[in-house]
Amino acid sequence: MQINKLILAGGTGFLGQAIVDRYSKKGTEIIVLTRGTTKVVNKVRYIHWDGKTKGEWTKELDGADVLINLTGKSVDCRYNEKNKAEIISSRVNATKILGETINETAHPPKVWLNAASATIYRNAEDRAMDEFDGEVGEGFSVGVCQVWEKTFNEIQNPQTRKVIMRISMVMGKGGGVLPVMTKLVKARLGGKMGNGKQFISWIHEEDFLDAMEHLIQHETSSGAYNFAAPNPLPNKEFMQLMQKQLNVGIGLPAAEWMLEVGAFFIGTETELILKSRRVVPTKLKNEGFVFKYPTVEQALKNLCNA
């Protein structure tokens, strides 16, 4: 499928800009729906929306080939009641209003990819979780994932193929978690976190973009897909590989209580680094998708040496 026009909702963050960079080079017309001001930057049109009500932005969906929705307040915050409400509402409202607008559009997008999270699965050290027999977990973050996907699935859009992207930790040079972890390791603070047994599921930025392109072009692809490399590994091993790649001989470990204190002072939650996410991409592999960077060693060699 030729992608002539792409709508990107919530596209000003790390992943959004990676998508903009890739499709700008292909000559695709890109419209980014943003809570910021309406403007044009390098031929990309940024159009203001509030993520919950209809406005001038709705006409942009007409004739679009692809709609990608990444909208949602960052979970890198303290889970107080105000933040929890905003985390949920920002995801649900944007998904709902996009679905409603699609059905009011004369020529709706051919495919709609909606962001979700690999944290929907339970804390898992014992076995890998995939789209077929992965077990849904408990707690606030899992609840967010459930209501997010439920909202998406309940909207009937008969002319638009729909895909859920259960995204794991995306590793890239331009943002996300890798630059932060690199600074910790170089400061010799990159030892195991907690007991170090919790699994890390991750995906290289290029594989994220390639997987997304695969799902756009693969006309039988629909439903939920895990956006994770096929080889998750324990936190302790992950940090050791980072130390090796960055030529740092030692990394001080951080006990769980230390992480709790640190999380409080920087305004985040330890769940983001202590929950074991052992997620694998069975559906992508079944469809013949091949990862450029299937192991952490390959990903780090590419990203840390670039």
Protein backbone atom coordinates (compact mmCIF):
# COMPACT_ATOMS: atom_id res chain seq x y z
CA MET A 1 0.00 0.00 0.00
CA GLN A 2 1.27 3.42 -0.94
CA ILE A 3 1.19 5.72 2.09
CA ASN A 4 0.41 9.14 0.67
CA LYS A 5 -1.18 10.67 3.77
CA LEU A 6 -0.50 9.77 7.40
CA ILE A 7 -2.24 11.16 10.48
CA LEU A 8 -0.24 10.95 13.70
CA ALA A 9 -2.09 11.76 16.92
CA GLY A 10 0.18 12.60 19.83
CA GLY A 11 3.30 12.68 17.70
CA THR A 12 5.62 15.17 19.36
CA GLY A 13 7.45 12.72 21.64
CA PHE A 14 10.35 10.36 20.98
CA LEU A 15 8.37 7.72 19.05
CA GLY A 16 6.28 10.26 17.21
CA GLN A 17 9.31 12.09 15.91
CA ALA A 18 10.90 8.79 14.84
CA ILE A 19 7.77 8.11 12.77
CA VAL A 20 7.84 11.64 11.33
CA ASP A 21 11.50 11.29 10.38
CA ARG A 22 10.96 7.99 8.57
CA TYR A 23 7.89 8.95 6.58
CA SER A 24 9.10 12.46 5.78
CA LYS A 25 11.95 10.86 3.86
CA LYS A 26 9.40 8.84 1.86
CA GLY A 27 7.59 11.99 0.76
CA THR A 28 4.45 11.15 2.74
CA GLU A 29 2.10 13.97 3.70
CA ILE A 30 2.17 13.99 7.51
CA ILE A 31 -0.33 15.68 9.81
CA VAL A 32 0.47 15.61 13.52
CA LEU A 33 -2.39 16.21 15.96
CA THR A 34 -0.89 18.00 18.94
CA ARG A 35 -1.95 19.86 22.05
CA GLY A 36 0.57 22.49 20.98
CA THR A 37 0.05 25.27 18.47
CA THR A 38 -0.86 24.84 14.82
CA LYS A 39 2.25 25.28 12.65
CA VAL A 40 4.28 23.84 9.77
CA VAL A 41 7.79 22.47 10.35
CA ASN A 42 9.79 20.99 7.48
CA LYS A 43 6.60 20.40 5.48
CA VAL A 44 4.99 18.52 8.41
CA ARG A 45 1.71 20.10 9.48
CA TYR A 46 1.07 20.25 13.22
CA ILE A 47 -2.60 20.86 14.00
CA HIS A 48 -3.94 21.69 17.45
CA TRP A 49 -6.44 19.38 19.12
CA ASP A 50 -7.35 18.73 22.73
CA GLY A 51 -7.59 14.95 22.39
CA LYS A 52 -11.25 14.79 23.38
CA THR A 53 -13.45 17.06 21.26
CA LYS A 54 -14.04 17.55 17.55
CA GLY A 55 -12.68 20.55 15.71
CA GLU A 56 -10.87 21.61 12.54
CA TRP A 57 -8.60 18.56 12.82
CA THR A 58 -11.42 16.14 11.97
CA LYS A 59 -11.38 16.98 8.26
CA GLU A 60 -7.78 15.79 8.03
CA LEU A 61 -8.83 12.15 8.45
CA ASP A 62 -10.67 12.24 5.14
CA GLY A 63 -8.57 10.46 2.53
CA ALA A 64 -5.82 9.45 4.94
CA ASP A 65 -4.16 6.11 4.31
CA VAL A 66 -2.95 5.54 7.87
CA LEU A 67 -3.90 6.80 11.33
CA ILE A 68 -1.45 6.21 14.19
CA ASN A 69 -2.53 7.18 17.70
CA LEU A 70 0.17 7.57 20.36
CA THR A 71 -1.79 9.95 22.59
CA GLY A 72 -1.49 9.55 26.35
CA LYS A 73 -0.07 11.27 29.41
CA SER A 74 3.34 9.86 30.36
CA VAL A 75 3.28 7.18 33.06
CA ASP A 76 6.64 8.50 34.30
CA CYS A 77 5.01 10.27 37.24
CA ARG A 78 3.73 9.60 40.75
CA TYR A 79 0.48 7.67 40.78
CA ASN A 80 -1.58 10.12 42.79
CA GLU A 81 -5.28 10.45 42.05
CA LYS A 82 -4.91 13.46 39.75
CA ASN A 83 -2.21 11.83 37.63
CA LYS A 84 -4.02 8.49 37.52
CA ALA A 85 -7.18 10.17 36.25
CA GLU A 86 -5.23 12.02 33.55
CA ILE A 87 -3.33 8.89 32.48
CA ILE A 88 -6.64 7.10 31.88
CA SER A 89 -8.67 9.96 30.40
CA SER A 90 -5.96 11.08 27.96
CA ARG A 91 -5.88 7.60 26.43
CA VAL A 92 -9.58 6.81 26.49
CA ASN A 93 -10.82 10.19 25.27
CA ALA A 94 -8.41 10.39 22.34
CA THR A 95 -9.16 6.83 21.24
CA LYS A 96 -12.91 7.38 21.49
CA ILE A 97 -13.01 10.67 19.58
CA LEU A 98 -10.80 9.30 16.80
CA GLY A 99 -13.05 6.27 16.42
CA GLU A 100 -16.17 8.42 16.25
CA THR A 101 -14.60 10.76 13.71
CA ILE A 102 -13.52 7.89 11.46
CA ASN A 103 -17.14 6.80 11.15
CA GLU A 104 -18.20 10.32 10.14
CA THR A 105 -15.53 10.57 7.45
CA ALA A 106 -16.39 10.06 3.78
CA HIS A 107 -13.07 8.36 3.01
CA PRO A 108 -11.78 6.98 6.33
CA PRO A 109 -8.22 5.77 6.95
CA LYS A 110 -7.49 2.31 5.57
CA VAL A 111 -5.72 1.24 8.75
CA TRP A 112 -5.65 2.54 12.34
CA LEU A 113 -2.75 1.63 14.62
CA ASN A 114 -3.42 2.45 18.27
CA ALA A 115 -0.72 2.49 20.93
CA ALA A 116 -1.06 0.26 23.97
CA SER A 117 1.41 -1.22 26.43
CA ALA A 118 3.17 -4.54 26.99
CA THR A 119 2.66 -3.96 30.71
CA ILE A 120 -0.83 -5.45 30.33
CA TYR A 121 0.67 -8.84 31.16
CA ARG A 122 1.29 -10.05 34.70
CA ASN A 123 4.60 -9.77 36.50
CA ALA A 124 6.39 -12.72 34.88
CA GLU A 125 9.75 -14.24 35.71
CA ASP A 126 8.66 -17.85 35.13
CA ARG A 127 7.68 -17.80 31.45
CA ALA A 128 7.27 -15.60 28.41
CA MET A 129 3.98 -13.84 27.64
CA ASP A 130 2.64 -13.62 24.10
CA GLU A 131 -0.61 -12.60 22.42
CA PHE A 132 -2.11 -16.10 22.60
CA ASP A 133 -1.54 -17.36 26.13
CA GLY A 134 -0.14 -14.35 27.98
CA GLU A 135 -1.87 -13.74 31.31
CA VAL A 136 -3.29 -10.32 32.11
CA GLY A 137 -1.97 -8.89 35.36
CA GLU A 138 -3.42 -6.77 38.14
CA GLY A 139 -2.98 -3.24 39.45
CA PHE A 140 -3.36 0.30 38.17
CA SER A 141 -1.10 0.07 35.10
CA VAL A 142 -2.77 -3.13 33.91
CA GLY A 143 -6.17 -1.54 34.45
CA VAL A 144 -5.15 1.39 32.25
CA CYS A 145 -4.13 -1.03 29.50
CA GLN A 146 -7.41 -2.92 29.76
CA VAL A 147 -9.70 0.11 29.53
CA TRP A 148 -7.52 1.57 26.73
CA GLU A 149 -7.82 -1.56 24.60
CA LYS A 150 -11.49 -2.04 25.50
CA THR A 151 -12.28 1.47 24.28
CA PHE A 152 -10.47 0.80 21.00
CA ASN A 153 -12.11 -2.59 20.44
CA GLU A 154 -15.63 -1.45 21.24
CA ILE A 155 -15.62 1.17 18.50
CA GLN A 156 -16.87 -0.44 15.31
CA ASN A 157 -15.08 0.97 12.27
CA PRO A 158 -16.11 -1.34 9.42
CA GLN A 159 -14.07 0.40 6.70
CA THR A 160 -10.86 0.65 8.71
CA ARG A 161 -8.53 -2.20 9.67
CA LYS A 162 -7.50 -1.89 13.31
CA VAL A 163 -4.27 -2.88 15.09
CA ILE A 164 -3.23 -2.59 18.74
CA MET A 165 0.48 -2.01 19.37
CA ARG A 166 1.46 -3.38 22.80
CA ILE A 167 4.70 -1.45 23.02
CA SER A 168 7.60 -2.47 25.26
CA MET A 169 10.65 -0.31 26.12
CA VAL A 170 11.83 1.26 22.85
CA MET A 171 15.58 1.76 22.62
CA GLY A 172 16.79 4.61 20.43
CA LYS A 173 19.39 7.34 20.34
CA GLY A 174 16.96 10.23 20.18
CA GLY A 175 15.07 9.67 23.41
CA GLY A 176 13.29 7.15 25.55
CA VAL A 177 15.01 5.25 28.32
CA LEU A 178 18.40 4.46 26.74
CA PRO A 179 20.04 7.91 27.12
CA VAL A 180 19.02 7.95 30.80
CA MET A 181 20.37 4.46 31.45
CA THR A 182 23.58 5.32 29.59
CA LYS A 183 24.18 8.25 31.94
CA LEU A 184 23.62 6.00 34.96
CA VAL A 185 26.05 3.39 33.70
CA LYS A 186 28.73 5.98 32.87
CA ALA A 187 28.30 7.39 36.38
CA ARG A 188 28.95 3.83 37.69
CA LEU A 189 25.40 3.64 39.02
CA GLY A 190 24.27 1.05 36.49
CA GLY A 191 24.27 -2.11 38.57
CA LYS A 192 21.29 -4.40 39.00
CA MET A 193 18.05 -2.79 40.15
CA GLY A 194 16.26 -4.51 42.99
CA ASN A 195 17.10 -8.21 42.89
CA GLY A 196 17.93 -7.95 39.19
CA LYS A 197 15.75 -10.94 38.30
CA GLN A 198 12.93 -8.95 36.74
CA PHE A 199 12.84 -9.32 32.95
CA ILE A 200 13.18 -6.39 30.58
CA SER A 201 11.25 -6.46 27.32
CA TRP A 202 12.56 -4.02 24.76
CA ILE A 203 12.68 -3.26 21.04
CA HIS A 204 15.15 -1.33 18.89
CA GLU A 205 13.74 1.86 17.39
CA GLU A 206 14.31 0.59 13.83
CA ASP A 207 12.51 -2.68 14.57
CA PHE A 208 9.64 -0.70 16.09
CA LEU A 209 9.29 1.31 12.88
CA ASP A 210 9.72 -1.76 10.67
CA ALA A 211 7.11 -3.72 12.65
CA MET A 212 4.69 -0.85 12.29
CA GLU A 213 5.31 -0.73 8.54
CA HIS A 214 4.82 -4.50 8.35
CA LEU A 215 1.41 -4.22 9.98
CA ILE A 216 0.40 -1.36 7.71
CA GLN A 217 1.30 -3.33 4.60
CA HIS A 218 0.12 -6.76 5.79
CA GLU A 219 -3.58 -6.50 4.96
CA THR A 220 -4.62 -9.51 7.06
CA SER A 221 -2.97 -8.16 10.22
CA SER A 222 -5.40 -7.05 12.91
CA GLY A 223 -5.85 -7.20 16.68
CA ALA A 224 -3.13 -6.96 19.33
CA TYR A 225 0.58 -7.32 18.60
CA ASN A 226 3.51 -7.31 21.02
CA PHE A 227 6.12 -4.77 19.99
CA ALA A 228 9.06 -6.45 21.71
CA ALA A 229 12.25 -8.14 20.56
CA PRO A 230 12.18 -11.96 20.81
CA ASN A 231 14.81 -12.12 23.55
CA PRO A 232 13.84 -10.42 26.83
CA LEU A 233 16.40 -10.83 29.60
CA PRO A 234 16.81 -10.20 33.35
CA ASN A 235 17.66 -6.71 34.55
CA LYS A 236 21.00 -7.86 35.98
CA GLU A 237 22.13 -9.26 32.63
CA PHE A 238 20.85 -6.21 30.76
CA MET A 239 22.85 -3.84 32.96
CA GLN A 240 25.97 -6.00 32.66
CA LEU A 241 25.72 -5.86 28.88
CA MET A 242 25.39 -2.07 29.02
CA GLN A 243 28.48 -1.83 31.24
CA LYS A 244 30.41 -4.01 28.80
CA GLN A 245 29.30 -2.02 25.76
CA LEU A 246 30.17 1.29 27.41
CA ASN A 247 33.47 -0.03 28.82
CA VAL A 248 32.44 0.63 32.41
CA GLY A 249 33.91 -1.96 34.75
CA ILE A 250 31.63 -1.51 37.74
CA GLY A 251 28.06 -0.54 38.45
CA LEU A 252 26.71 0.00 41.94
CA PRO A 253 23.50 -1.95 42.56
CA ALA A 254 20.32 -0.24 43.77
CA ALA A 255 18.27 -2.04 46.40
CA GLU A 256 14.49 -1.80 46.20
CA TRP A 257 14.29 0.62 49.15
CA MET A 258 16.83 2.90 47.46
CA LEU A 259 14.74 2.91 44.30
CA GLU A 260 11.62 3.75 46.30
CA VAL A 261 13.33 6.78 47.84
CA GLY A 262 14.78 7.89 44.53
CA ALA A 263 11.46 7.48 42.74
CA PHE A 264 9.75 9.66 45.32
CA PHE A 265 12.23 12.49 44.87
CA ILE A 266 12.24 12.47 41.06
CA GLY A 267 8.47 12.01 40.83
CA THR A 268 8.06 8.55 39.33
CA GLU A 269 7.15 4.98 40.34
CA THR A 270 9.44 1.99 40.90
CA GLU A 271 7.04 -0.25 39.01
CA LEU A 272 8.56 1.09 35.80
CA ILE A 273 11.84 -0.69 36.58
CA LEU A 274 10.89 -3.43 39.06
CA LYS A 275 7.98 -5.11 37.28
CA SER A 276 9.10 -8.17 35.32
CA ARG A 277 7.99 -7.81 31.70
CA ARG A 278 8.79 -11.00 29.82
CA VAL A 279 7.01 -10.34 26.55
CA VAL A 280 7.61 -12.00 23.17
CA PRO A 281 6.31 -11.14 19.65
CA THR A 282 4.73 -14.42 18.54
CA LYS A 283 2.22 -12.88 16.12
CA LEU A 284 4.85 -10.81 14.31
CA LYS A 285 7.13 -13.83 13.99
CA ASN A 286 4.26 -15.99 12.74
CA GLU A 287 3.69 -13.46 9.98
CA GLY A 288 7.32 -13.69 8.89
CA PHE A 289 8.60 -10.45 10.41
CA VAL A 290 12.39 -10.53 10.86
CA PHE A 291 14.05 -8.40 13.55
CA LYS A 292 17.21 -6.52 12.61
CA TYR A 293 18.22 -6.45 16.28
CA PRO A 294 16.86 -9.58 18.01
CA THR A 295 19.32 -9.44 20.94
CA VAL A 296 20.31 -6.71 23.39
CA GLU A 297 23.96 -7.14 22.40
CA GLN A 298 23.14 -6.28 18.78
CA ALA A 299 20.93 -3.35 19.75
CA LEU A 300 23.45 -1.82 22.14
CA LYS A 301 26.31 -2.25 19.69
CA ASN A 302 24.34 -0.31 17.12
CA LEU A 303 22.99 2.39 19.41
CA CYS A 304 25.94 2.99 21.71
CA ASN A 305 28.51 3.07 18.91
CA ALA A 306 26.54 5.24 16.56
